[in-house]
Protein backbone atom coordinates (compact mmCIF):
# COMPACT_ATOMS: atom_id res chain seq x y z
CA MET A 1 0.00 0.00 0.00
CA ARG A 2 2.81 2.43 0.88
CA LYS A 3 4.59 1.71 -2.41
CA VAL A 4 1.39 2.42 -4.36
CA LYS A 5 0.92 5.74 -2.52
CA ILE A 6 4.50 6.75 -3.34
CA GLU A 7 4.13 5.81 -7.01
CA LYS A 8 0.82 7.67 -7.35
CA ALA A 9 2.21 10.77 -5.61
CA ALA A 10 5.27 10.73 -7.88
CA ILE A 11 3.18 10.45 -11.05
CA ASN A 12 0.80 13.20 -9.91
CA ALA A 13 3.64 15.55 -8.93
CA THR A 14 5.41 14.99 -12.24
CA SER A 15 2.21 15.48 -14.24
CA ASP A 16 1.61 18.75 -12.39
CA TYR A 17 5.24 19.80 -12.94
CA TYR A 18 4.88 19.56 -16.72
CA THR A 19 1.28 20.83 -16.86
CA ASP A 20 2.40 23.95 -14.96
CA ARG A 21 4.95 24.50 -17.75
CA GLY A 22 2.27 24.37 -20.44
CA TYR A 23 2.60 20.73 -21.52
CA ASP A 24 -0.27 18.36 -22.22
CA VAL A 25 0.50 15.21 -20.23
CA GLU A 26 -0.69 11.69 -21.01
CA SER A 27 -0.11 8.60 -18.88
CA VAL A 28 1.24 5.54 -20.71
CA GLU A 29 2.19 3.63 -17.56
CA LYS A 30 0.22 0.53 -18.44
CA GLU A 31 1.54 0.28 -22.02
CA ASN A 32 5.06 -0.98 -21.11
CA VAL A 33 6.77 1.42 -23.53
CA GLY A 34 9.80 2.24 -21.35
CA TYR A 35 8.46 5.45 -19.78
CA ASP A 36 5.42 6.54 -17.76
CA LEU A 37 4.28 9.84 -19.24
CA VAL A 38 4.29 11.67 -22.56
CA ALA A 39 4.38 15.47 -22.32
CA SER A 40 3.61 17.47 -25.46
CA LEU A 41 4.03 21.17 -26.15
CA GLY A 42 3.61 22.17 -29.78
CA ASN A 43 5.93 19.93 -31.81
CA ARG A 44 7.96 18.97 -28.73
CA LYS A 45 7.30 15.57 -27.19
CA LEU A 46 9.02 14.34 -24.02
CA LEU A 47 9.13 10.74 -22.81
CA ILE A 48 9.18 10.79 -19.02
CA GLU A 49 10.18 8.00 -16.68
CA VAL A 50 9.02 8.69 -13.11
CA LYS A 51 10.62 7.27 -9.98
CA GLY A 52 9.36 8.09 -6.51
CA THR A 53 10.75 7.79 -3.00
CA SER A 54 9.67 8.81 0.47
CA LEU A 55 13.22 9.98 1.21
CA PRO A 56 13.93 13.73 1.30
CA SER A 57 16.06 15.23 -1.47
CA ASP A 58 19.11 15.67 0.78
CA GLU A 59 19.50 11.88 1.15
CA VAL A 60 21.55 9.68 -1.18
CA ILE A 61 18.93 8.21 -3.49
CA THR A 62 19.27 5.26 -5.84
CA VAL A 63 16.58 4.31 -8.34
CA ASN A 64 16.43 1.40 -10.73
CA LEU A 65 15.40 1.48 -14.37
CA SER A 66 14.01 -1.71 -15.84
CA PRO A 67 15.86 -3.13 -18.87
CA ASN A 68 13.12 -1.67 -21.09
CA GLU A 69 13.33 1.77 -19.44
CA TYR A 70 17.12 1.76 -19.62
CA ARG A 71 17.14 0.82 -23.32
CA LYS A 72 14.66 3.59 -24.07
CA SER A 73 16.69 6.12 -22.05
CA LYS A 74 19.71 5.33 -24.22
CA SER A 75 17.95 5.21 -27.59
CA ARG A 76 15.80 8.34 -27.11
CA LYS A 77 18.14 10.47 -24.94
CA ASN A 78 17.12 13.81 -26.45
CA GLN A 79 13.41 13.24 -25.72
CA TYR A 80 13.76 11.18 -22.55
CA ARG A 81 13.48 12.67 -19.07
CA ILE A 82 14.11 10.92 -15.77
CA CYS A 83 12.09 12.49 -12.96
CA ILE A 84 12.97 11.40 -9.46
CA VAL A 85 10.35 12.63 -7.03
CA THR A 86 11.53 12.87 -3.44
CA ASP A 87 9.54 13.17 -0.20
CA CYS A 88 6.48 11.71 -1.94
CA LEU A 89 4.44 11.18 1.22
CA ASN A 90 4.88 14.72 2.56
CA LYS A 91 5.86 17.44 0.11
CA PRO A 92 6.81 15.89 -3.24
CA LEU A 93 9.70 17.54 -5.08
CA VAL A 94 10.30 16.75 -8.76
CA ASN A 95 13.95 16.44 -9.76
CA GLU A 96 14.05 16.46 -13.56
CA PHE A 97 17.13 14.98 -15.23
CA VAL A 98 17.95 15.80 -18.85
CA TRP A 99 20.64 14.26 -21.05
CA ASN A 100 23.51 16.71 -21.60
CA LYS A 101 24.80 15.74 -25.02
CA SER A 102 28.06 17.71 -24.84
CA ASP A 103 29.06 16.32 -21.42
CA GLU A 104 27.40 12.93 -22.01
CA LYS A 105 25.66 12.75 -18.64
CA TRP A 106 22.23 13.09 -17.05
CA GLU A 107 21.98 16.46 -15.25
CA ASP A 108 19.18 18.05 -13.27
CA GLU A 109 17.49 21.16 -14.62
CA ASN A 110 19.66 23.41 -12.42
CA ASN A 111 22.95 21.67 -13.33
CA VAL A 112 23.49 20.93 -9.64
CA SER A 113 23.12 17.14 -9.58
CA ILE A 114 23.99 14.37 -11.99
CA LEU A 115 22.91 10.77 -12.21
CA LYS A 116 25.71 8.26 -11.74
CA ILE A 117 24.93 5.16 -13.78
CA THR A 118 25.89 1.72 -12.51
CA GLU A 119 24.96 -1.05 -14.91
CA VAL A 120 24.01 -4.29 -13.19
CA VAL A 121 23.61 -7.88 -14.23
CA SER A 122 20.73 -9.77 -12.70
CA ALA A 123 18.94 -13.06 -13.05
CA ASN A 124 15.52 -14.50 -12.31
CA PHE A 125 15.30 -17.86 -10.57
CA THR A 126 12.27 -20.10 -10.95
CA ILE A 127 11.43 -23.11 -8.83
CA THR A 128 10.62 -26.07 -11.05
CA LYS A 129 9.63 -29.62 -10.21
C-alpha cells in the first residue's frame, strides 16, 4: 500500500510539474513502452520516466530502471526525461534529469546534480519440479 501511494504521488507531482509548464501530459504507464508519461508542447514531445521515493532530497537516493526503461533512455536520450520525485508522502519535489549531449551525462534542470549510472547484471530464478 505504501509503495502504491509513493508511485501515485510521484506520477501526480510529475504530471503537475509539466502541466504547470504548459505541456499536455498523457499517462502511458500501463503500455510498457519504457516510460510513464508523454508530455507534449507544440511539436515537442518528451518521454518521461518517473521514480518516486519517500526519502527527502538531501539523502543519497538510488533508483532502478528496468531493462526496457534503460534501453529507451539510451535510444531516445534527447526526448527522454528521468524524474525522481523525493519526499512523496509529505511534500513531493520533482527532480528532472535531462541528457547533456556535450558532457554525455544526465543532469538536473539546475545543473546541480547528476545521475551516476551503474549497470548491473541480474537473473531471475524459478522453482521447477
